[in-house]
Amino acid sequence: ARLPSLYSDFTLQRYSNPDGFAANITAWIDALIKAARAGLLPSDGADRDTLSLRTGETLLRSLETKEWGRPMALRTVIDEAVSQQKMIPYQDYITARKSIHSRKWTVHPQWLFSWGLKRLGLLDSSTGAGPLPTASFVILPNLEEAASNIVKAMGSPSNQIGRIYPMSMFSTEAGKILKSHNGLTESDLQLILTYLARDKSKIIYDAKTVKFKAAGETSSMLSTQDKTIASLKTLIADINEQIAILSTRIQTLSESALKAINNKNRTSALAALRSKKLSETILTQRSEKLAQLEEIYGKIEQAADQVAIIRVMEASTGVLRNLHAQIGGIEKVEDVIESLRDEMGKVDEIGGAIEAGAQGDSVIDESAVDEEFESLERQANAREEEKRAGQTQERLVNIAAVRQTKETQQEEPSGDRAPDPPVEEGSVVEMSVAG
């Protein structure tokens, strides 16, 4: 449903339908950015650029469809992309002296003049902003994303040696990171180098060497040491490639010799074996040379680590020296400690005085406390004595009742029943009191 609108000349909708105009512009810009990132847009060479866009007849043909034809407002889309700083004219970007973030990139599109002529009826309203000129534009979102991924993958080693790359190795590794099957194009490589060096200040480079800056590094020129390390890496990489080629050649010659022997072709077999021996000799020499170069490279890495350690130790020494200077020496420390002890003693003295004052304000009359205690004790004893007297009186009443019952039974005829033994009053009383 969107394609008819996207392929139409929606330039004049800028004022008649602003929302529809903005939606079409956004859709086209996003589509062009993603298509370039995927390597789907045409370029000058055989390889596809992913960080820049080339306008013109070739681009229009690549976007043409049988049903909707060519996009009629593509020039307006490019103008809007530039005004939004999502695209920048290629030559302006490459030749700029300052960072792209320090200026605003603008173009002066022709659609304004064309629109005025259409309003006056002097220009056919079926045409949009005019023919799409041939030009190249840097796609800033793609460039920023690519540069960020490269810095994360290649610029993180803390070792100085690991941050130095020969230009060919940098291009190869960057191509792998960006998943470019044929490596970076010359245009993409130049854009990445310019962006990382000028706009982000992440690298220093020349025609043969690329160096990622360490944190806080402000140098803007490669040193002779940097170039030497890059040359050593290039030489090691070249010898590794030669060894791989020689190993493959030796394997191929062995198979050729065996095939010639099976075919009873003695001359071909001997020639193949001679070539094999020569290749094996060269392979041995290359392997020995590679071992020497790798040993040298290892020593350089070790020396670089030692330099870094010494620099840290020197910096640490300076920090400690400054801190000790701020302290003022051992005598000042002793004075501070002595003063601290004095002040802490004063705190204890003040605390004792405050506590003593609080105790003096709340003095208790101990004699009054003793008198109240004795009074309470007497009251408790009196209550206990009253309780015991009541219990004794109750027992005496019970004894009297028992005696009265016995006497009544003795006055009545009792038959043959033997009389109860007499109860001794004293013993009952004693028992009751004791109980």
Protein backbone atom coordinates (compact mmCIF):
# COMPACT_ATOMS: atom_id res chain seq x y z
CA ALA A 1 0.00 0.00 0.00
CA ARG A 2 2.97 2.34 0.61
CA LEU A 3 4.78 1.67 -2.68
CA PRO A 4 2.55 3.86 -4.90
CA SER A 5 3.10 6.77 -2.54
CA LEU A 6 6.82 6.13 -2.18
CA TYR A 7 7.39 5.95 -5.94
CA SER A 8 5.23 8.97 -6.69
CA ASP A 9 6.37 12.57 -6.76
CA PHE A 10 5.49 13.47 -3.19
CA THR A 11 7.71 16.56 -3.17
CA LEU A 12 4.76 18.94 -3.23
CA GLN A 13 3.29 17.23 -0.16
CA ARG A 14 5.79 19.10 1.98
CA TYR A 15 3.13 21.76 2.54
CA SER A 16 -0.10 20.07 1.47
CA ASN A 17 0.45 16.89 3.53
CA PRO A 18 3.42 17.35 5.92
CA ASP A 19 2.84 14.10 7.81
CA GLY A 20 2.69 12.01 4.65
CA PHE A 21 5.76 13.80 3.29
CA ALA A 22 7.75 13.12 6.49
CA ALA A 23 6.68 9.46 6.55
CA ASN A 24 7.82 8.89 2.95
CA ILE A 25 11.12 10.67 3.55
CA THR A 26 11.83 8.58 6.66
CA ALA A 27 10.94 5.34 4.86
CA TRP A 28 13.21 6.12 1.91
CA ILE A 29 16.18 7.22 4.03
CA ASP A 30 15.97 4.11 6.22
CA ALA A 31 15.68 1.88 3.16
CA LEU A 32 18.73 3.44 1.48
CA ILE A 33 20.81 3.19 4.67
CA LYS A 34 19.97 -0.50 5.17
CA ALA A 35 20.44 -1.36 1.50
CA ALA A 36 23.88 0.26 1.47
CA ARG A 37 24.86 -1.53 4.69
CA ALA A 38 23.90 -4.84 3.10
CA GLY A 39 25.94 -4.07 -0.03
CA LEU A 40 22.91 -3.96 -2.31
CA LEU A 41 23.39 -0.54 -3.88
CA PRO A 42 25.50 -0.06 -7.03
CA SER A 43 29.02 1.40 -6.81
CA ASP A 44 31.62 2.54 -9.31
CA GLY A 45 33.73 -0.61 -9.00
CA ALA A 46 32.96 -4.30 -8.90
CA ASP A 47 32.76 -4.28 -5.09
CA ARG A 48 29.87 -2.64 -3.31
CA ASP A 49 30.45 0.30 -0.97
CA THR A 50 28.60 0.06 2.33
CA LEU A 51 29.44 3.47 3.79
CA SER A 52 28.60 5.72 0.86
CA LEU A 53 25.91 6.15 -1.76
CA ARG A 54 26.35 7.14 -5.39
CA THR A 55 23.35 8.80 -7.00
CA GLY A 56 22.55 9.02 -10.68
CA GLU A 57 21.13 6.93 -13.48
CA THR A 58 22.60 3.69 -12.14
CA LEU A 59 20.88 4.10 -8.77
CA LEU A 60 17.55 4.92 -10.41
CA ARG A 61 17.78 1.80 -12.57
CA SER A 62 18.55 -0.37 -9.54
CA LEU A 63 15.43 0.95 -7.76
CA GLU A 64 13.13 0.68 -10.78
CA THR A 65 10.18 -1.75 -10.69
CA LYS A 66 7.93 -2.98 -13.49
CA GLU A 67 4.76 -1.91 -11.69
CA TRP A 68 5.73 1.47 -10.24
CA GLY A 69 8.64 2.50 -12.40
CA ARG A 70 11.38 4.75 -10.97
CA PRO A 71 11.10 6.74 -7.72
CA MET A 72 10.22 10.25 -8.83
CA ALA A 73 11.14 12.09 -5.62
CA LEU A 74 14.53 10.50 -4.94
CA ARG A 75 16.34 13.81 -5.31
CA THR A 76 14.14 15.27 -2.59
CA VAL A 77 14.95 12.26 -0.41
CA ILE A 78 18.70 12.85 -0.82
CA ASP A 79 18.31 16.55 -0.07
CA GLU A 80 16.39 15.77 3.10
CA ALA A 81 18.93 13.15 4.18
CA VAL A 82 21.69 15.73 3.84
CA SER A 83 19.72 18.39 5.71
CA GLN A 84 19.17 15.85 8.53
CA GLN A 85 22.94 15.12 8.55
CA LYS A 86 22.37 11.46 7.77
CA MET A 87 24.23 11.91 4.49
CA ILE A 88 27.15 14.20 3.70
CA PRO A 89 28.58 15.08 0.27
CA TYR A 90 31.60 12.79 -0.19
CA GLN A 91 34.16 15.36 -1.25
CA ASP A 92 33.06 17.83 1.43
CA TYR A 93 33.52 15.12 4.03
CA ILE A 94 36.94 13.97 2.85
CA THR A 95 38.38 17.49 2.47
CA ALA A 96 36.96 18.93 5.71
CA ARG A 97 39.63 20.15 8.10
CA LYS A 98 37.54 19.94 11.24
CA SER A 99 35.34 17.25 12.71
CA ILE A 100 31.95 16.76 11.11
CA HIS A 101 30.42 17.36 14.52
CA SER A 102 31.71 20.92 14.56
CA ARG A 103 29.65 22.18 11.62
CA LYS A 104 26.22 21.72 10.09
CA TRP A 105 26.12 20.25 6.60
CA THR A 106 23.53 21.76 4.29
CA VAL A 107 22.68 21.70 0.61
CA HIS A 108 20.47 23.97 -1.40
CA PRO A 109 17.96 21.72 -3.16
CA GLN A 110 16.41 22.80 -6.44
CA TRP A 111 12.91 21.70 -5.55
CA LEU A 112 12.12 25.09 -3.96
CA PHE A 113 12.57 26.90 -7.28
CA SER A 114 10.80 24.10 -9.17
CA TRP A 115 7.84 24.24 -6.79
CA GLY A 116 7.49 27.98 -7.33
CA LEU A 117 7.45 27.53 -11.10
CA LYS A 118 4.79 24.83 -10.80
CA ARG A 119 2.58 27.12 -8.74
CA LEU A 120 2.82 29.68 -11.53
CA GLY A 121 2.01 27.05 -14.17
CA LEU A 122 5.38 27.49 -15.85
CA LEU A 123 6.59 23.95 -15.17
CA ASP A 124 4.94 20.59 -15.64
CA SER A 125 3.62 19.44 -12.28
CA SER A 126 4.35 15.81 -13.13
CA THR A 127 8.05 16.38 -12.55
CA GLY A 128 9.47 16.42 -9.05
CA ALA A 129 12.63 18.05 -7.80
CA GLY A 130 14.31 17.56 -11.14
CA PRO A 131 16.65 14.88 -12.48
CA LEU A 132 18.83 13.08 -9.97
CA PRO A 133 22.41 14.33 -10.44
CA THR A 134 25.42 12.04 -10.27
CA ALA A 135 27.15 12.52 -6.93
CA SER A 136 28.49 10.57 -3.94
CA PHE A 137 27.32 10.91 -0.36
CA VAL A 138 28.72 9.53 2.89
CA ILE A 139 26.08 7.60 4.87
CA LEU A 140 26.85 8.79 8.37
CA PRO A 141 24.85 6.21 10.41
CA ASN A 142 26.63 3.35 8.63
CA LEU A 143 30.01 5.00 9.08
CA GLU A 144 29.48 5.60 12.80
CA GLU A 145 28.33 2.04 13.41
CA ALA A 146 31.21 0.53 11.44
CA ALA A 147 33.81 2.67 13.20
CA SER A 148 32.40 1.80 16.62
CA ASN A 149 32.57 -1.94 15.89
CA ILE A 150 36.14 -1.66 14.63
CA VAL A 151 37.32 0.24 17.70
CA LYS A 152 35.73 -2.31 20.03
CA ALA A 153 37.33 -5.24 18.22
CA MET A 154 40.76 -3.85 17.30
CA GLY A 155 41.49 -0.93 19.61
CA SER A 156 41.15 -2.63 22.98
CA PRO A 157 44.60 -4.28 23.59
CA SER A 158 46.42 -2.62 26.46
CA ASN A 159 49.75 -3.60 24.93
CA GLN A 160 51.14 -0.90 22.67
CA ILE A 161 52.33 -3.46 20.12
CA GLY A 162 48.86 -4.94 19.80
CA ARG A 163 47.40 -1.56 18.78
CA ILE A 164 49.67 -1.18 15.74
CA TYR A 165 48.58 -2.62 12.38
CA PRO A 166 50.02 -2.60 8.87
CA MET A 167 47.50 -0.96 6.54
CA SER A 168 46.82 -4.21 4.67
CA MET A 169 46.18 -6.08 7.94
CA PHE A 170 43.92 -3.29 9.21
CA SER A 171 41.85 -3.41 6.02
CA THR A 172 41.54 -7.19 6.18
CA GLU A 173 40.57 -7.29 9.85
CA ALA A 174 38.12 -4.39 9.48
CA GLY A 175 36.51 -6.18 6.53
CA LYS A 176 36.02 -9.29 8.65
CA ILE A 177 34.46 -7.26 11.46
CA LEU A 178 32.06 -5.59 9.02
CA LYS A 179 31.37 -8.96 7.37
CA SER A 180 32.52 -7.71 4.00
CA HIS A 181 33.19 -10.83 1.92
CA ASN A 182 35.73 -9.18 -0.40
CA GLY A 183 37.24 -6.89 2.23
CA LEU A 184 36.81 -3.15 2.44
CA THR A 185 36.58 -1.11 -0.72
CA GLU A 186 39.01 1.74 -1.16
CA SER A 187 36.22 4.21 -0.54
CA ASP A 188 35.04 2.53 2.68
CA LEU A 189 38.60 2.21 3.96
CA GLN A 190 39.30 5.89 3.36
CA LEU A 191 36.08 6.90 5.11
CA ILE A 192 36.82 4.77 8.18
CA LEU A 193 40.37 6.06 8.47
CA THR A 194 39.22 9.68 8.15
CA TYR A 195 36.40 9.26 10.66
CA LEU A 196 38.52 7.49 13.30
CA ALA A 197 41.45 9.91 12.94
CA ARG A 198 39.78 13.27 12.45
CA ASP A 199 36.29 12.95 13.92
CA LYS A 200 36.90 10.55 16.83
CA SER A 201 40.66 10.94 17.42
CA LYS A 202 41.02 7.19 17.90
CA ILE A 203 43.85 6.42 15.48
CA ILE A 204 47.01 7.78 13.87
CA TYR A 205 47.79 6.53 10.38
CA ASP A 206 49.81 6.96 7.21
CA ALA A 207 49.88 5.05 3.94
CA LYS A 208 51.34 1.89 5.53
CA THR A 209 50.58 1.95 9.26
CA VAL A 210 47.57 2.37 11.53
CA LYS A 211 47.91 2.83 15.29
CA PHE A 212 45.06 2.97 17.80
CA LYS A 213 45.69 5.58 20.46
CA ALA A 214 45.95 4.63 24.10
CA ALA A 215 43.68 6.32 26.63
CA GLY A 216 44.87 9.88 27.14
CA GLU A 217 47.35 9.77 24.26
CA THR A 218 47.59 13.09 22.42
CA SER A 219 50.27 12.40 19.79
CA SER A 220 49.30 13.03 16.18
CA MET A 221 52.29 11.49 14.38
CA LEU A 222 53.52 7.94 14.04
CA SER A 223 56.95 7.32 15.49
CA THR A 224 59.76 5.38 13.82
CA GLN A 225 59.17 2.66 16.38
CA ASP A 226 55.51 2.37 15.35
CA LYS A 227 56.43 2.04 11.68
CA THR A 228 59.11 -0.55 12.43
CA ILE A 229 56.68 -2.68 14.41
CA ALA A 230 54.15 -2.47 11.56
CA SER A 231 56.83 -3.53 9.07
CA LEU A 232 57.77 -6.48 11.27
CA LYS A 233 54.13 -7.57 11.44
CA THR A 234 53.88 -7.26 7.65
CA LEU A 235 56.98 -9.40 7.16
CA ILE A 236 55.71 -12.08 9.56
CA ALA A 237 52.36 -12.16 7.79
CA ASP A 238 54.04 -12.43 4.37
CA ILE A 239 56.26 -15.32 5.48
CA ASN A 240 53.27 -17.12 7.00
CA GLU A 241 51.51 -16.79 3.65
CA GLN A 242 54.58 -18.10 1.81
CA ILE A 243 54.80 -21.07 4.17
CA ALA A 244 51.15 -21.90 3.52
CA ILE A 245 51.72 -21.72 -0.25
CA LEU A 246 54.87 -23.88 -0.04
CA SER A 247 53.11 -26.47 2.11
CA THR A 248 50.31 -26.71 -0.44
CA ARG A 249 52.83 -26.96 -3.30
CA ILE A 250 54.75 -29.75 -1.57
CA GLN A 251 51.53 -31.70 -1.08
CA THR A 252 50.58 -31.20 -4.72
CA LEU A 253 54.03 -32.29 -5.96
CA SER A 254 53.89 -35.41 -3.80
CA GLU A 255 50.57 -36.36 -5.35
CA SER A 256 51.92 -35.61 -8.85
CA ALA A 257 54.99 -37.79 -8.28
CA LEU A 258 52.88 -40.66 -7.00
CA LYS A 259 50.53 -40.36 -9.97
CA ALA A 260 53.48 -40.36 -12.41
CA ILE A 261 54.93 -43.48 -10.77
CA ASN A 262 51.60 -45.23 -11.08
CA ASN A 263 51.56 -44.28 -14.77
CA LYS A 264 55.12 -45.60 -15.23
CA ASN A 265 56.27 -42.07 -16.13
CA ARG A 266 59.72 -41.97 -14.54
CA THR A 267 60.74 -38.58 -15.98
CA SER A 268 57.66 -36.77 -14.63
CA ALA A 269 57.99 -38.46 -11.28
CA LEU A 270 61.65 -37.42 -10.90
CA ALA A 271 60.85 -33.83 -11.94
CA ALA A 272 58.07 -33.63 -9.40
CA LEU A 273 60.31 -35.03 -6.66
CA ARG A 274 63.10 -32.56 -7.51
CA SER A 275 60.62 -29.66 -7.30
CA LYS A 276 59.32 -31.07 -4.05
CA LYS A 277 62.82 -31.21 -2.52
CA LEU A 278 63.53 -27.65 -3.63
CA SER A 279 60.22 -26.49 -2.11
CA GLU A 280 61.00 -28.35 1.12
CA THR A 281 64.39 -26.60 1.31
CA ILE A 282 62.78 -23.21 0.80
CA LEU A 283 60.08 -24.10 3.35
CA THR A 284 62.74 -24.96 5.92
CA GLN A 285 64.49 -21.64 5.31
CA ARG A 286 61.23 -19.71 5.57
CA SER A 287 60.28 -21.52 8.77
CA GLU A 288 63.64 -20.70 10.36
CA LYS A 289 63.31 -17.09 9.30
CA LEU A 290 59.78 -16.95 10.71
CA ALA A 291 60.98 -18.36 14.03
CA GLN A 292 63.66 -15.64 14.24
CA LEU A 293 61.18 -12.88 13.43
CA GLU A 294 58.65 -14.19 15.93
CA GLU A 295 61.36 -14.30 18.59
CA ILE A 296 62.24 -10.68 17.82
CA TYR A 297 58.58 -9.74 17.94
CA GLY A 298 58.21 -11.47 21.30
CA LYS A 299 61.21 -9.56 22.68
CA ILE A 300 59.70 -6.30 21.45
CA GLU A 301 56.41 -7.13 23.17
CA GLN A 302 58.28 -7.96 26.37
CA ALA A 303 60.26 -4.72 26.19
CA ALA A 304 57.07 -2.74 25.55
CA ASP A 305 55.47 -4.32 28.62
CA GLN A 306 58.52 -3.47 30.68
CA VAL A 307 58.40 0.12 29.49
CA ALA A 308 54.75 0.33 30.49
CA ILE A 309 55.53 -1.14 33.92
CA ILE A 310 58.41 1.29 34.47
CA ARG A 311 56.19 4.22 33.50
CA VAL A 312 53.55 3.11 35.96
CA MET A 313 56.16 2.72 38.67
CA GLU A 314 57.55 6.18 37.95
CA ALA A 315 54.08 7.68 38.06
CA SER A 316 53.36 5.83 41.31
CA THR A 317 56.59 7.13 42.80
CA GLY A 318 55.59 10.67 41.96
CA VAL A 319 52.17 10.16 43.52
CA LEU A 320 53.68 8.81 46.73
CA ARG A 321 56.17 11.65 46.82
CA ASN A 322 53.40 14.23 46.50
CA LEU A 323 51.34 12.52 49.19
CA HIS A 324 54.32 12.41 51.56
CA ALA A 325 54.97 16.07 50.85
CA GLN A 326 51.38 16.83 51.82
CA ILE A 327 51.86 14.89 55.06
CA GLY A 328 54.98 16.90 55.96
CA GLY A 329 57.30 14.14 57.26
CA ILE A 330 57.40 11.89 60.30
CA GLU A 331 57.80 14.78 62.76
CA LYS A 332 54.53 16.31 61.60
CA VAL A 333 52.83 12.93 61.93
CA GLU A 334 54.06 12.62 65.53
CA ASP A 335 52.84 16.13 66.31
CA VAL A 336 49.45 15.36 64.83
CA ILE A 337 49.16 12.15 66.84
CA GLU A 338 50.18 13.93 70.06
CA SER A 339 47.68 16.69 69.43
CA LEU A 340 45.03 14.10 68.73
CA ARG A 341 45.73 12.38 72.04
CA ASP A 342 45.47 15.69 73.87
CA GLU A 343 42.17 16.51 72.24
CA MET A 344 40.81 13.01 72.97
CA GLY A 345 41.85 13.46 76.63
CA LYS A 346 39.96 16.73 76.75
CA VAL A 347 36.90 14.96 75.43
CA ASP A 348 37.14 12.39 78.25
CA GLU A 349 37.56 15.14 80.85
CA ILE A 350 34.56 17.05 79.56
CA GLY A 351 32.50 13.86 79.55
CA GLY A 352 33.46 13.10 83.15
CA ALA A 353 32.56 16.58 84.27
CA ILE A 354 29.17 16.36 82.58
CA GLU A 355 28.47 12.99 84.20
CA ALA A 356 29.50 14.24 87.66
CA GLY A 357 27.23 17.25 87.30
CA ALA A 358 24.32 15.05 86.36
CA GLN A 359 24.88 12.83 89.39
CA GLY A 360 25.09 15.87 91.72
CA ASP A 361 21.73 17.09 90.51
CA SER A 362 20.04 13.78 91.31
CA VAL A 363 21.38 12.91 94.87
CA ILE A 364 19.12 10.35 96.71
CA ASP A 365 18.52 10.43 100.51
CA GLU A 366 19.52 6.89 101.51
CA SER A 367 18.12 7.25 105.08
CA ALA A 368 14.66 8.03 103.74
CA VAL A 369 14.87 4.96 101.52
CA ASP A 370 15.82 2.76 104.53
CA GLU A 371 12.96 4.11 106.63
CA GLU A 372 10.43 3.43 103.90
CA PHE A 373 11.79 -0.09 103.44
CA GLU A 374 11.47 -0.85 107.20
CA SER A 375 7.91 0.48 107.22
CA LEU A 376 6.91 -1.72 104.32
CA GLU A 377 8.60 -4.69 105.96
CA ARG A 378 6.69 -4.16 109.24
CA GLN A 379 3.40 -3.94 107.38
CA ALA A 380 4.14 -7.19 105.57
CA ASN A 381 5.00 -8.97 108.87
CA ALA A 382 1.82 -7.72 110.53
CA ARG A 383 -0.31 -9.03 107.69
CA GLU A 384 1.42 -12.41 107.95
CA GLU A 385 0.80 -12.61 111.72
CA GLU A 386 -2.89 -11.75 111.29
CA LYS A 387 -3.20 -14.47 108.68
CA ARG A 388 -1.63 -17.09 110.97
CA ALA A 389 -3.83 -16.05 113.95
CA GLY A 390 -6.94 -16.47 111.82
CA GLN A 391 -5.86 -19.93 110.70
CA THR A 392 -5.21 -20.97 114.35
CA GLN A 393 -8.62 -19.69 115.48
CA GLU A 394 -10.32 -21.68 112.71
CA ARG A 395 -8.57 -24.90 113.79
CA LEU A 396 -9.60 -24.37 117.45
CA VAL A 397 -13.24 -23.98 116.42
CA ASN A 398 -13.04 -27.25 114.49
CA ILE A 399 -11.56 -29.05 117.50
CA ALA A 400 -14.35 -27.78 119.77
CA ALA A 401 -16.97 -29.03 117.34
CA VAL A 402 -15.36 -32.49 117.22
CA ARG A 403 -15.30 -32.66 121.05
CA GLN A 404 -18.96 -31.69 121.28
CA THR A 405 -19.86 -34.45 118.86
CA LYS A 406 -17.98 -37.07 120.91
CA GLU A 407 -19.67 -36.07 124.13
CA THR A 408 -23.10 -36.33 122.55
CA GLN A 409 -22.34 -39.81 121.27
CA GLN A 410 -21.21 -40.95 124.76
CA GLU A 411 -24.52 -39.87 126.34
CA GLU A 412 -26.50 -41.96 123.81
CA PRO A 413 -26.66 -45.85 124.27
CA SER A 414 -23.95 -47.34 122.17
CA GLY A 415 -24.65 -51.11 122.58
CA ASP A 416 -21.59 -53.27 122.33
CA ARG A 417 -19.55 -50.68 120.42
CA ALA A 418 -16.32 -49.93 122.13
CA PRO A 419 -15.83 -46.30 123.15
CA ASP A 420 -13.54 -44.12 121.07
CA PRO A 421 -10.17 -43.48 122.56
CA PRO A 422 -9.91 -40.14 124.34
CA VAL A 423 -8.46 -37.22 122.46
CA GLU A 424 -5.76 -35.33 124.17
CA GLU A 425 -6.46 -31.63 123.83
CA GLY A 426 -2.92 -30.54 124.13
CA SER A 427 -1.70 -32.74 121.32
CA VAL A 428 -4.46 -31.48 118.98
CA VAL A 429 -3.66 -27.90 119.77
CA GLU A 430 0.03 -28.47 119.25
CA MET A 431 -0.58 -30.24 115.99
CA SER A 432 -2.88 -27.45 114.81
CA VAL A 433 -0.39 -24.79 115.71
CA ALA A 434 2.41 -26.74 114.10
CA GLY A 435 0.32 -27.20 110.98
